[in-house]
Amino acid sequence: MAEFIFKDLIRSRGLNELFYVESAAVSTEEIGNSIYPPARRCLSAHGIPFDKDKTARQITRTDYDRFDLIICMDRMNLRWLRYIIPDDPQNKVRLMMSYAGIDRDVADPWYTGDFGTTYRDITTACESFLAMQCEKAKK
């Protein structure tokens, strides 16, 4: 959801050319699966376009070199990530809600079925992140 929410934010502000956004999983459980149907419904309900052909892939060690940032939704994902990318010498790995100044994980809809709260968490963090990036660009 975060990939498409952020892509929609940057598209709506004409900033597509400034960002490359891609999501990846830390586990192998969903590799090859398409977007979870309740997540699709939530995105659609909010008018967020998404790639219907998107399938899950697992993050790799080479992703650390490919991306400026690696943003985890929760601390459990962060722990799993450390098995794949054990070191973070460039301080690229962050927790999503930290961008909103909130010290907690993104609400996990896998266990609650509450995709609305997850959507709000992600949107809040993405908007804050984008504002920070735009402020940095001005300097």
N, C-alpha and C. Protein backbone atom coordinates (compact mmCIF):
# COMPACT_ATOMS: atom_id res chain seq x y z
N MET A 1 0.83 -1.19 0.00
CA MET A 1 0.00 0.00 0.00
C MET A 1 0.87 1.25 0.00
N ALA A 2 1.95 1.23 0.77
CA ALA A 2 2.80 2.42 0.89
C ALA A 2 3.38 2.82 -0.46
N GLU A 3 3.80 1.85 -1.25
CA GLU A 3 4.35 2.17 -2.57
C GLU A 3 3.35 3.00 -3.38
N PHE A 4 2.13 2.56 -3.43
CA PHE A 4 1.14 3.22 -4.28
C PHE A 4 0.61 4.52 -3.67
N ILE A 5 0.53 4.57 -2.36
CA ILE A 5 0.12 5.82 -1.71
C ILE A 5 1.17 6.90 -1.97
N PHE A 6 2.44 6.55 -1.81
CA PHE A 6 3.49 7.55 -2.05
C PHE A 6 3.56 7.92 -3.52
N LYS A 7 3.44 6.96 -4.42
CA LYS A 7 3.46 7.27 -5.85
C LYS A 7 2.32 8.22 -6.21
N ASP A 8 1.16 8.03 -5.59
CA ASP A 8 0.03 8.92 -5.86
C ASP A 8 0.33 10.33 -5.34
N LEU A 9 0.93 10.44 -4.16
CA LEU A 9 1.29 11.76 -3.62
C LEU A 9 2.26 12.50 -4.54
N ILE A 10 3.29 11.83 -4.99
CA ILE A 10 4.27 12.52 -5.83
C ILE A 10 3.69 12.82 -7.21
N ARG A 11 2.86 11.93 -7.73
CA ARG A 11 2.22 12.18 -9.02
C ARG A 11 1.31 13.41 -8.94
N SER A 12 0.54 13.50 -7.87
CA SER A 12 -0.41 14.62 -7.72
C SER A 12 0.31 15.96 -7.56
N ARG A 13 1.57 15.93 -7.18
CA ARG A 13 2.35 17.16 -7.00
C ARG A 13 3.35 17.39 -8.14
N GLY A 14 3.29 16.52 -9.15
CA GLY A 14 4.19 16.65 -10.29
C GLY A 14 5.65 16.37 -9.96
N LEU A 15 5.89 15.47 -9.01
CA LEU A 15 7.24 15.18 -8.57
C LEU A 15 7.73 13.79 -8.97
N ASN A 16 7.06 13.17 -9.91
CA ASN A 16 7.41 11.80 -10.32
C ASN A 16 8.88 11.64 -10.67
N GLU A 17 9.45 12.64 -11.33
CA GLU A 17 10.82 12.53 -11.81
C GLU A 17 11.86 12.58 -10.68
N LEU A 18 11.44 12.99 -9.51
CA LEU A 18 12.39 13.13 -8.40
C LEU A 18 12.54 11.88 -7.55
N PHE A 19 11.64 10.93 -7.73
CA PHE A 19 11.64 9.75 -6.87
C PHE A 19 11.52 8.47 -7.69
N TYR A 20 12.18 7.43 -7.22
CA TYR A 20 11.95 6.08 -7.73
C TYR A 20 11.48 5.27 -6.52
N VAL A 21 10.29 4.70 -6.62
CA VAL A 21 9.67 4.03 -5.47
C VAL A 21 9.39 2.58 -5.84
N GLU A 22 9.76 1.69 -4.95
CA GLU A 22 9.53 0.26 -5.17
C GLU A 22 9.37 -0.39 -3.81
N SER A 23 8.51 -1.38 -3.72
CA SER A 23 8.34 -2.09 -2.45
C SER A 23 8.88 -3.51 -2.57
N ALA A 24 9.27 -4.06 -1.43
CA ALA A 24 9.79 -5.42 -1.38
C ALA A 24 9.51 -5.99 0.01
N ALA A 25 9.39 -7.29 0.05
CA ALA A 25 9.10 -7.99 1.31
C ALA A 25 10.40 -8.45 1.97
N VAL A 26 10.33 -8.64 3.28
CA VAL A 26 11.49 -9.19 3.98
C VAL A 26 11.39 -10.71 4.10
N SER A 27 10.19 -11.25 4.00
CA SER A 27 10.02 -12.70 4.08
C SER A 27 9.72 -13.25 2.69
N THR A 28 9.65 -14.56 2.61
CA THR A 28 9.35 -15.20 1.33
C THR A 28 7.88 -15.63 1.22
N GLU A 29 7.11 -15.38 2.27
CA GLU A 29 5.73 -15.88 2.33
C GLU A 29 4.85 -15.48 1.14
N GLU A 30 4.97 -14.24 0.69
CA GLU A 30 4.08 -13.73 -0.34
C GLU A 30 4.74 -13.56 -1.70
N ILE A 31 5.98 -14.02 -1.85
CA ILE A 31 6.71 -13.81 -3.09
C ILE A 31 5.90 -14.35 -4.27
N GLY A 32 5.76 -13.48 -5.27
CA GLY A 32 5.01 -13.85 -6.47
C GLY A 32 3.52 -13.57 -6.39
N ASN A 33 3.02 -13.31 -5.19
CA ASN A 33 1.58 -13.02 -5.04
C ASN A 33 1.30 -11.57 -5.41
N SER A 34 0.09 -11.35 -5.90
CA SER A 34 -0.32 -9.99 -6.22
C SER A 34 -0.76 -9.28 -4.94
N ILE A 35 -1.13 -8.02 -5.08
CA ILE A 35 -1.54 -7.21 -3.94
C ILE A 35 -2.73 -7.89 -3.25
N TYR A 36 -2.66 -7.97 -1.95
CA TYR A 36 -3.69 -8.60 -1.12
C TYR A 36 -5.05 -7.94 -1.42
N PRO A 37 -6.09 -8.72 -1.72
CA PRO A 37 -7.38 -8.15 -2.12
C PRO A 37 -7.94 -7.06 -1.18
N PRO A 38 -7.89 -7.22 0.16
CA PRO A 38 -8.39 -6.11 0.99
C PRO A 38 -7.56 -4.83 0.83
N ALA A 39 -6.26 -4.96 0.56
CA ALA A 39 -5.42 -3.78 0.33
C ALA A 39 -5.83 -3.11 -0.98
N ARG A 40 -6.12 -3.91 -2.00
CA ARG A 40 -6.60 -3.36 -3.28
C ARG A 40 -7.90 -2.58 -3.07
N ARG A 41 -8.81 -3.18 -2.29
CA ARG A 41 -10.09 -2.51 -2.04
C ARG A 41 -9.89 -1.19 -1.31
N CYS A 42 -8.99 -1.18 -0.35
CA CYS A 42 -8.72 0.04 0.42
C CYS A 42 -8.14 1.11 -0.50
N LEU A 43 -7.16 0.75 -1.30
CA LEU A 43 -6.57 1.71 -2.23
C LEU A 43 -7.63 2.24 -3.19
N SER A 44 -8.42 1.36 -3.74
CA SER A 44 -9.49 1.77 -4.67
C SER A 44 -10.49 2.70 -4.00
N ALA A 45 -10.86 2.41 -2.76
CA ALA A 45 -11.83 3.23 -2.03
C ALA A 45 -11.31 4.65 -1.84
N HIS A 46 -9.99 4.81 -1.81
CA HIS A 46 -9.39 6.13 -1.63
C HIS A 46 -8.92 6.74 -2.95
N GLY A 47 -9.26 6.08 -4.05
CA GLY A 47 -8.90 6.60 -5.37
C GLY A 47 -7.41 6.53 -5.67
N ILE A 48 -6.72 5.61 -5.02
CA ILE A 48 -5.27 5.46 -5.23
C ILE A 48 -5.05 4.43 -6.33
N PRO A 49 -4.47 4.84 -7.46
CA PRO A 49 -4.18 3.87 -8.52
C PRO A 49 -3.05 2.93 -8.11
N PHE A 50 -3.11 1.71 -8.61
CA PHE A 50 -2.06 0.73 -8.32
C PHE A 50 -1.88 -0.16 -9.53
N ASP A 51 -0.72 -0.78 -9.59
CA ASP A 51 -0.38 -1.69 -10.68
C ASP A 51 -1.02 -3.05 -10.38
N LYS A 52 -2.01 -3.39 -11.14
CA LYS A 52 -2.73 -4.66 -10.92
C LYS A 52 -1.83 -5.88 -11.13
N ASP A 53 -0.74 -5.69 -11.87
CA ASP A 53 0.18 -6.80 -12.15
C ASP A 53 1.33 -6.89 -11.16
N LYS A 54 1.37 -5.98 -10.19
CA LYS A 54 2.45 -5.98 -9.19
C LYS A 54 2.43 -7.28 -8.40
N THR A 55 3.60 -7.89 -8.26
CA THR A 55 3.72 -9.07 -7.42
C THR A 55 4.83 -8.83 -6.41
N ALA A 56 4.72 -9.53 -5.30
CA ALA A 56 5.70 -9.36 -4.22
C ALA A 56 7.04 -9.97 -4.62
N ARG A 57 8.08 -9.27 -4.22
CA ARG A 57 9.45 -9.79 -4.36
C ARG A 57 10.15 -9.58 -3.03
N GLN A 58 11.18 -10.36 -2.80
CA GLN A 58 11.93 -10.22 -1.55
C GLN A 58 13.07 -9.22 -1.75
N ILE A 59 13.30 -8.41 -0.74
CA ILE A 59 14.42 -7.48 -0.77
C ILE A 59 15.72 -8.26 -0.81
N THR A 60 16.74 -7.67 -1.44
CA THR A 60 18.04 -8.34 -1.55
C THR A 60 19.13 -7.42 -0.99
N ARG A 61 20.27 -7.97 -0.77
CA ARG A 61 21.41 -7.20 -0.28
C ARG A 61 21.77 -6.10 -1.28
N THR A 62 21.63 -6.36 -2.56
CA THR A 62 21.97 -5.35 -3.57
C THR A 62 21.02 -4.16 -3.55
N ASP A 63 19.83 -4.34 -2.97
CA ASP A 63 18.90 -3.21 -2.85
C ASP A 63 19.49 -2.10 -1.98
N TYR A 64 20.33 -2.47 -1.05
CA TYR A 64 20.94 -1.45 -0.19
C TYR A 64 21.73 -0.45 -1.04
N ASP A 65 22.42 -0.94 -2.04
CA ASP A 65 23.20 -0.07 -2.92
C ASP A 65 22.32 0.64 -3.95
N ARG A 66 21.21 0.04 -4.33
CA ARG A 66 20.33 0.61 -5.36
C ARG A 66 19.48 1.78 -4.86
N PHE A 67 19.15 1.80 -3.57
CA PHE A 67 18.19 2.77 -3.05
C PHE A 67 18.83 3.71 -2.03
N ASP A 68 18.31 4.93 -1.99
CA ASP A 68 18.78 5.91 -1.01
C ASP A 68 18.24 5.61 0.38
N LEU A 69 17.03 5.06 0.43
CA LEU A 69 16.38 4.74 1.70
C LEU A 69 15.70 3.39 1.62
N ILE A 70 15.63 2.72 2.75
CA ILE A 70 14.84 1.49 2.89
C ILE A 70 13.96 1.72 4.10
N ILE A 71 12.66 1.80 3.87
CA ILE A 71 11.73 2.16 4.92
C ILE A 71 10.90 0.95 5.30
N CYS A 72 10.98 0.58 6.57
CA CYS A 72 10.25 -0.58 7.10
C CYS A 72 8.96 -0.13 7.76
N MET A 73 7.95 -0.95 7.63
CA MET A 73 6.65 -0.64 8.23
C MET A 73 6.63 -0.88 9.73
N ASP A 74 7.43 -1.86 10.19
CA ASP A 74 7.39 -2.16 11.62
C ASP A 74 8.71 -2.78 12.08
N ARG A 75 8.83 -2.90 13.38
CA ARG A 75 10.07 -3.39 13.98
C ARG A 75 10.34 -4.86 13.66
N MET A 76 9.28 -5.63 13.48
CA MET A 76 9.49 -7.03 13.10
C MET A 76 10.12 -7.11 11.70
N ASN A 77 9.62 -6.30 10.78
CA ASN A 77 10.24 -6.26 9.45
C ASN A 77 11.69 -5.82 9.53
N LEU A 78 11.96 -4.87 10.41
CA LEU A 78 13.32 -4.39 10.60
C LEU A 78 14.23 -5.52 11.09
N ARG A 79 13.73 -6.33 12.01
CA ARG A 79 14.53 -7.48 12.49
C ARG A 79 14.79 -8.47 11.36
N TRP A 80 13.77 -8.77 10.56
CA TRP A 80 13.94 -9.68 9.42
C TRP A 80 14.91 -9.09 8.40
N LEU A 81 14.82 -7.79 8.20
CA LEU A 81 15.70 -7.12 7.24
C LEU A 81 17.16 -7.30 7.63
N ARG A 82 17.45 -7.31 8.92
CA ARG A 82 18.83 -7.44 9.40
C ARG A 82 19.46 -8.78 9.01
N TYR A 83 18.66 -9.79 8.72
CA TYR A 83 19.20 -11.06 8.22
C TYR A 83 19.66 -10.94 6.77
N ILE A 84 19.01 -10.04 6.03
CA ILE A 84 19.32 -9.87 4.61
C ILE A 84 20.36 -8.76 4.42
N ILE A 85 20.17 -7.68 5.16
CA ILE A 85 21.08 -6.53 5.11
C ILE A 85 21.54 -6.28 6.55
N PRO A 86 22.61 -6.96 6.96
CA PRO A 86 23.00 -6.89 8.37
C PRO A 86 23.54 -5.54 8.83
N ASP A 87 24.16 -4.79 7.93
CA ASP A 87 24.77 -3.52 8.31
C ASP A 87 24.10 -2.36 7.57
N ASP A 88 24.11 -1.21 8.22
CA ASP A 88 23.54 0.00 7.64
C ASP A 88 24.52 1.16 7.81
N PRO A 89 25.70 1.07 7.18
CA PRO A 89 26.72 2.09 7.38
C PRO A 89 26.31 3.48 6.88
N GLN A 90 25.36 3.53 5.94
CA GLN A 90 24.94 4.82 5.39
C GLN A 90 23.63 5.33 6.00
N ASN A 91 23.17 4.65 7.06
CA ASN A 91 21.96 5.06 7.76
C ASN A 91 20.76 5.21 6.82
N LYS A 92 20.55 4.20 5.99
CA LYS A 92 19.47 4.23 5.00
C LYS A 92 18.18 3.60 5.52
N VAL A 93 18.27 2.77 6.54
CA VAL A 93 17.12 2.00 7.02
C VAL A 93 16.37 2.80 8.09
N ARG A 94 15.08 2.97 7.85
CA ARG A 94 14.25 3.76 8.77
C ARG A 94 12.91 3.07 8.98
N LEU A 95 12.23 3.47 10.05
CA LEU A 95 10.86 3.02 10.28
C LEU A 95 9.90 4.07 9.72
N MET A 96 8.85 3.65 9.06
CA MET A 96 7.91 4.53 8.38
C MET A 96 7.34 5.62 9.28
N MET A 97 6.84 5.25 10.45
CA MET A 97 6.17 6.22 11.30
C MET A 97 7.12 7.26 11.89
N SER A 98 8.42 6.99 11.83
CA SER A 98 9.39 7.97 12.34
C SER A 98 9.31 9.27 11.54
N TYR A 99 8.91 9.20 10.29
CA TYR A 99 8.79 10.41 9.48
C TYR A 99 7.65 11.31 9.96
N ALA A 100 6.71 10.73 10.64
CA ALA A 100 5.60 11.51 11.20
C ALA A 100 5.87 11.88 12.65
N GLY A 101 7.08 11.56 13.14
CA GLY A 101 7.43 11.86 14.52
C GLY A 101 6.71 10.98 15.53
N ILE A 102 6.33 9.79 15.08
CA ILE A 102 5.57 8.87 15.93
C ILE A 102 6.42 7.62 16.17
N ASP A 103 6.58 7.25 17.42
CA ASP A 103 7.40 6.11 17.79
C ASP A 103 6.54 4.85 17.96
N ARG A 104 6.05 4.36 16.85
CA ARG A 104 5.33 3.09 16.84
C ARG A 104 5.32 2.55 15.42
N ASP A 105 4.89 1.31 15.29
CA ASP A 105 4.81 0.66 13.99
C ASP A 105 3.56 1.12 13.24
N VAL A 106 3.59 0.96 11.92
CA VAL A 106 2.38 1.13 11.12
C VAL A 106 1.42 0.04 11.58
N ALA A 107 0.16 0.39 11.74
CA ALA A 107 -0.85 -0.60 12.14
C ALA A 107 -0.86 -1.73 11.11
N ASP A 108 -0.80 -2.95 11.58
CA ASP A 108 -0.72 -4.12 10.70
C ASP A 108 -2.10 -4.69 10.43
N PRO A 109 -2.61 -4.54 9.22
CA PRO A 109 -3.95 -5.03 8.91
C PRO A 109 -4.02 -6.54 8.76
N TRP A 110 -2.88 -7.18 8.67
CA TRP A 110 -2.87 -8.64 8.50
C TRP A 110 -3.58 -9.31 9.66
N TYR A 111 -3.39 -8.75 10.85
CA TYR A 111 -3.97 -9.35 12.05
C TYR A 111 -5.32 -8.75 12.42
N THR A 112 -5.54 -7.49 12.09
CA THR A 112 -6.76 -6.80 12.52
C THR A 112 -7.82 -6.70 11.43
N GLY A 113 -7.38 -6.74 10.19
CA GLY A 113 -8.31 -6.53 9.08
C GLY A 113 -8.68 -5.06 8.91
N ASP A 114 -8.06 -4.19 9.70
CA ASP A 114 -8.36 -2.76 9.70
C ASP A 114 -7.43 -2.03 8.72
N PHE A 115 -7.78 -2.07 7.46
CA PHE A 115 -6.95 -1.43 6.45
C PHE A 115 -7.10 0.08 6.47
N GLY A 116 -8.19 0.58 7.05
CA GLY A 116 -8.40 2.02 7.15
C GLY A 116 -7.35 2.68 8.04
N THR A 117 -7.07 2.07 9.19
CA THR A 117 -6.04 2.62 10.08
C THR A 117 -4.68 2.53 9.43
N THR A 118 -4.41 1.44 8.76
CA THR A 118 -3.14 1.29 8.05
C THR A 118 -3.00 2.36 6.99
N TYR A 119 -4.05 2.58 6.23
CA TYR A 119 -4.04 3.62 5.20
C TYR A 119 -3.73 4.99 5.82
N ARG A 120 -4.36 5.32 6.92
CA ARG A 120 -4.12 6.61 7.57
C ARG A 120 -2.69 6.73 8.08
N ASP A 121 -2.17 5.66 8.69
CA ASP A 121 -0.78 5.67 9.16
C ASP A 121 0.18 5.93 8.00
N ILE A 122 0.02 5.17 6.94
CA ILE A 122 0.93 5.28 5.81
C ILE A 122 0.81 6.66 5.16
N THR A 123 -0.40 7.14 4.99
CA THR A 123 -0.59 8.45 4.37
C THR A 123 0.04 9.54 5.21
N THR A 124 -0.16 9.50 6.51
CA THR A 124 0.43 10.49 7.41
C THR A 124 1.96 10.48 7.29
N ALA A 125 2.55 9.30 7.33
CA ALA A 125 4.01 9.18 7.25
C ALA A 125 4.53 9.61 5.88
N CYS A 126 3.84 9.21 4.81
CA CYS A 126 4.27 9.58 3.46
C CYS A 126 4.19 11.09 3.24
N GLU A 127 3.13 11.71 3.72
CA GLU A 127 3.00 13.16 3.58
C GLU A 127 4.12 13.87 4.34
N SER A 128 4.42 13.41 5.54
CA SER A 128 5.50 14.00 6.32
C SER A 128 6.85 13.80 5.64
N PHE A 129 7.07 12.61 5.15
CA PHE A 129 8.32 12.31 4.44
C PHE A 129 8.47 13.22 3.23
N LEU A 130 7.41 13.34 2.44
CA LEU A 130 7.47 14.17 1.24
C LEU A 130 7.73 15.64 1.61
N ALA A 131 7.09 16.13 2.64
CA ALA A 131 7.33 17.52 3.08
C ALA A 131 8.80 17.71 3.47
N MET A 132 9.38 16.72 4.16
CA MET A 132 10.78 16.80 4.55
C MET A 132 11.68 16.84 3.32
N GLN A 133 11.38 16.00 2.35
CA GLN A 133 12.20 15.93 1.14
C GLN A 133 12.09 17.23 0.35
N CYS A 134 10.91 17.81 0.28
CA CYS A 134 10.74 19.07 -0.44
C CYS A 134 11.46 20.21 0.27
N GLU A 135 11.44 20.18 1.58
CA GLU A 135 12.15 21.19 2.37
C GLU A 135 13.66 21.07 2.15
N LYS A 136 14.16 19.83 2.11
CA LYS A 136 15.58 19.61 1.86
C LYS A 136 15.98 20.15 0.48
N ALA A 137 15.11 19.91 -0.50
CA ALA A 137 15.40 20.33 -1.87
C ALA A 137 15.47 21.84 -2.00
N LYS A 138 14.75 22.54 -1.16
CA LYS A 138 14.76 24.02 -1.20
C LYS A 138 16.09 24.59 -0.71
N LYS A 139 16.78 23.84 0.14
CA LYS A 139 18.02 24.35 0.74
C LYS A 139 19.19 24.24 -0.18
